[in-house]
Protein backbone atom coordinates (compact mmCIF):
# COMPACT_ATOMS: atom_id res chain seq x y z
CA MET A 1 135.61 159.55 27.88
CA ALA A 2 138.66 161.82 27.57
CA SER A 3 138.19 165.43 26.54
CA CYS A 4 140.74 164.98 23.75
CA HIS A 5 138.04 163.13 21.78
CA TYR A 6 135.60 166.05 21.74
CA ILE A 7 135.14 168.20 18.67
CA THR A 8 132.78 170.92 17.50
CA ARG A 9 130.43 170.19 14.60
CA GLU A 10 132.44 172.60 12.40
CA GLY A 11 135.68 170.85 13.29
CA TYR A 12 134.23 167.43 12.51
CA LEU A 13 132.89 168.60 9.16
CA ALA A 14 136.26 170.15 8.25
CA LEU A 15 138.10 166.87 8.94
CA ASP A 16 135.44 164.95 7.01
CA ARG A 17 135.80 167.35 4.04
CA GLU A 18 139.58 166.87 4.10
CA LEU A 19 139.19 163.08 4.10
CA LYS A 20 136.75 163.16 1.16
CA TYR A 21 138.96 165.58 -0.79
CA LEU A 22 142.08 163.45 -0.30
CA TRP A 23 140.30 160.22 -1.19
CA LYS A 24 138.13 161.38 -4.10
CA GLU A 25 140.19 164.16 -5.68
CA GLU A 26 143.83 164.35 -4.59
CA ARG A 27 144.64 160.61 -4.54
CA PRO A 28 143.21 159.86 -8.02
CA LYS A 29 145.17 162.81 -9.49
CA VAL A 30 148.44 161.70 -7.90
CA THR A 31 147.81 158.05 -8.89
CA GLN A 32 147.31 159.13 -12.49
CA ALA A 33 150.51 161.23 -12.42
CA VAL A 34 152.48 158.28 -10.98
CA SER A 35 151.14 155.97 -13.71
CA GLU A 36 152.15 158.45 -16.41
CA ALA A 37 155.60 158.90 -14.86
CA ALA A 38 156.08 155.11 -14.60
CA ALA A 39 155.30 154.74 -18.30
CA MET A 40 158.29 156.97 -19.12
CA GLY A 41 160.78 154.23 -18.32
CA ASP A 42 163.61 154.23 -15.77
CA ARG A 43 161.96 154.85 -12.40
CA SER A 44 165.15 155.16 -10.38
CA GLU A 45 165.96 158.59 -11.83
CA ASN A 46 162.41 159.71 -12.52
CA ALA A 47 161.71 162.62 -10.13
CA GLU A 48 157.97 162.75 -10.98
CA TYR A 49 157.61 159.06 -10.21
CA ILE A 50 159.62 159.24 -6.96
CA TYR A 51 157.79 162.37 -5.76
CA GLY A 52 154.42 160.93 -6.75
CA LYS A 53 155.00 157.70 -4.82
CA ARG A 54 156.07 159.70 -1.76
CA ARG A 55 152.96 161.90 -2.05
CA LEU A 56 150.74 158.82 -2.34
CA ARG A 57 152.23 157.45 0.89
CA GLU A 58 151.55 160.80 2.63
CA ILE A 59 147.95 160.84 1.36
CA ASP A 60 147.35 157.22 2.39
CA ARG A 61 148.80 157.87 5.86
CA ARG A 62 146.55 160.93 6.33
CA VAL A 63 143.48 159.07 4.99
CA ARG A 64 144.08 156.21 7.45
CA PHE A 65 144.54 158.66 10.33
CA LEU A 66 141.41 160.67 9.47
CA SER A 67 139.28 157.55 8.97
CA LYS A 68 140.23 156.21 12.41
CA ARG A 69 140.06 159.60 14.11
CA LEU A 70 136.60 160.51 12.84
CA ASP A 71 135.29 157.26 14.35
CA GLN A 72 136.78 158.18 17.75
CA LEU A 73 135.47 161.76 17.94
CA THR A 74 132.36 162.92 19.77
CA ILE A 75 130.64 166.00 18.38
CA VAL A 76 129.66 168.39 21.16
CA ASN A 77 126.78 170.72 20.34
CA PRO A 78 126.06 173.77 22.49
CA ASN A 79 123.39 173.07 25.09
CA PRO A 80 120.96 175.88 26.05
CA MET A 81 121.57 174.90 29.70
CA GLN A 82 125.21 176.08 29.27
CA GLU A 83 124.19 179.65 28.44
CA GLY A 84 125.99 182.09 30.72
CA ARG A 85 128.80 179.71 31.65
CA ILE A 86 131.99 178.72 29.86
CA PHE A 87 132.05 175.21 28.43
CA PHE A 88 133.36 173.41 25.36
CA GLY A 89 132.72 175.30 22.12
CA ALA A 90 132.32 178.73 23.73
CA TRP A 91 133.82 181.94 22.41
CA VAL A 92 135.08 183.76 25.49
CA THR A 93 135.99 187.45 25.66
CA LEU A 94 138.61 188.12 28.32
CA LEU A 95 140.24 191.24 29.71
CA ASP A 96 143.83 190.74 30.85
CA ASP A 97 145.46 192.63 33.72
CA GLU A 98 147.00 195.09 31.22
CA GLY A 99 143.61 196.11 29.81
CA ASN A 100 143.84 194.07 26.59
CA GLU A 101 140.78 192.21 25.31
CA LYS A 102 141.21 188.73 23.88
CA VAL A 103 138.64 186.41 22.37
CA TYR A 104 139.28 182.68 22.51
CA ARG A 105 137.20 179.73 21.38
CA ILE A 106 137.49 176.50 23.34
CA VAL A 107 137.71 173.58 20.91
CA GLY A 108 138.98 170.02 20.68
CA ALA A 109 142.62 169.03 20.29
CA ASP A 110 142.01 168.18 16.61
CA GLU A 111 140.86 171.67 15.69
CA PHE A 112 142.83 174.19 17.76
CA ASP A 113 144.22 177.03 15.64
CA PRO A 114 146.41 179.77 17.15
CA LYS A 115 145.75 182.07 14.14
CA LYS A 116 142.02 182.04 14.93
CA ASN A 117 142.58 182.10 18.74
CA TRP A 118 140.98 178.67 18.98
CA ILE A 119 142.49 176.98 22.03
CA SER A 120 142.41 173.32 22.96
CA ILE A 121 140.14 172.24 25.81
CA ASN A 122 143.33 170.67 27.22
CA SER A 123 145.23 173.98 27.41
CA PRO A 124 145.83 175.64 30.80
CA VAL A 125 143.78 178.71 29.78
CA ALA A 126 140.78 176.65 28.65
CA ARG A 127 140.88 174.37 31.69
CA SER A 128 140.90 177.35 34.03
CA LEU A 129 137.95 178.96 32.19
CA ILE A 130 135.56 175.99 32.28
CA GLY A 131 132.47 176.63 34.40
CA HIS A 132 133.09 180.35 34.92
CA LYS A 133 130.66 183.15 34.03
CA VAL A 134 130.78 186.83 33.05
CA ASP A 135 132.60 189.06 35.58
CA ASP A 136 134.48 186.11 37.10
CA GLU A 137 138.17 186.69 37.67
CA ILE A 138 140.47 183.87 36.66
CA THR A 139 144.13 183.14 37.36
CA VAL A 140 146.03 181.06 34.82
CA MET A 141 149.49 179.58 35.39
CA THR A 142 151.56 179.98 32.23
CA PRO A 143 155.23 179.24 31.55
CA ASN A 144 155.82 182.99 32.08
CA GLY A 145 154.03 183.08 35.44
CA GLN A 146 150.49 183.87 36.55
CA VAL A 147 148.13 185.75 34.22
CA TYR A 148 144.88 187.27 35.44
CA TYR A 149 141.74 187.57 33.32
CA THR A 150 138.24 188.92 33.80
CA VAL A 151 135.49 187.26 31.75
CA LEU A 152 133.70 189.94 29.69
CA GLY A 153 131.53 187.78 27.45
CA ILE A 154 130.50 184.23 26.57
CA ARG A 155 128.74 183.08 23.41
CA TYR A 156 128.18 179.80 21.64
CA TYR A 157 127.41 181.03 18.14
CA GLU A 158 129.55 183.06 15.80
């Protein structure tokens, strides 16, 4: 099974919430707005109708994607045996060679978020961290050259 199909429980629940929101709340609202706009007559120049139909297509596309994707994903829960080593789902505190601390969380491709410092398991940094423990020194090849890190901390719960 490819690592791109792994997801944390939180990530899975967030995608599931999005799917339910789109299907049960957003789509019915947009459908109603399209019906009301269609009742106004000439659809060819009716901006509300045209926008509404476009939005419905976007919603339906996203609903189809999420429905299929959720079936393909495997939720990975932290295992007590992992404690002390870096694996999927870990928050990792690193010290770079300039003395800066960074905290990353290793997550699935469907949930990475640069604003939160959540990095994909498929990223070069995450791949080079897997299996390491506190005080290990790691070299990561980036587009800007080699970067060196020391692992300061590993945790599996926020």
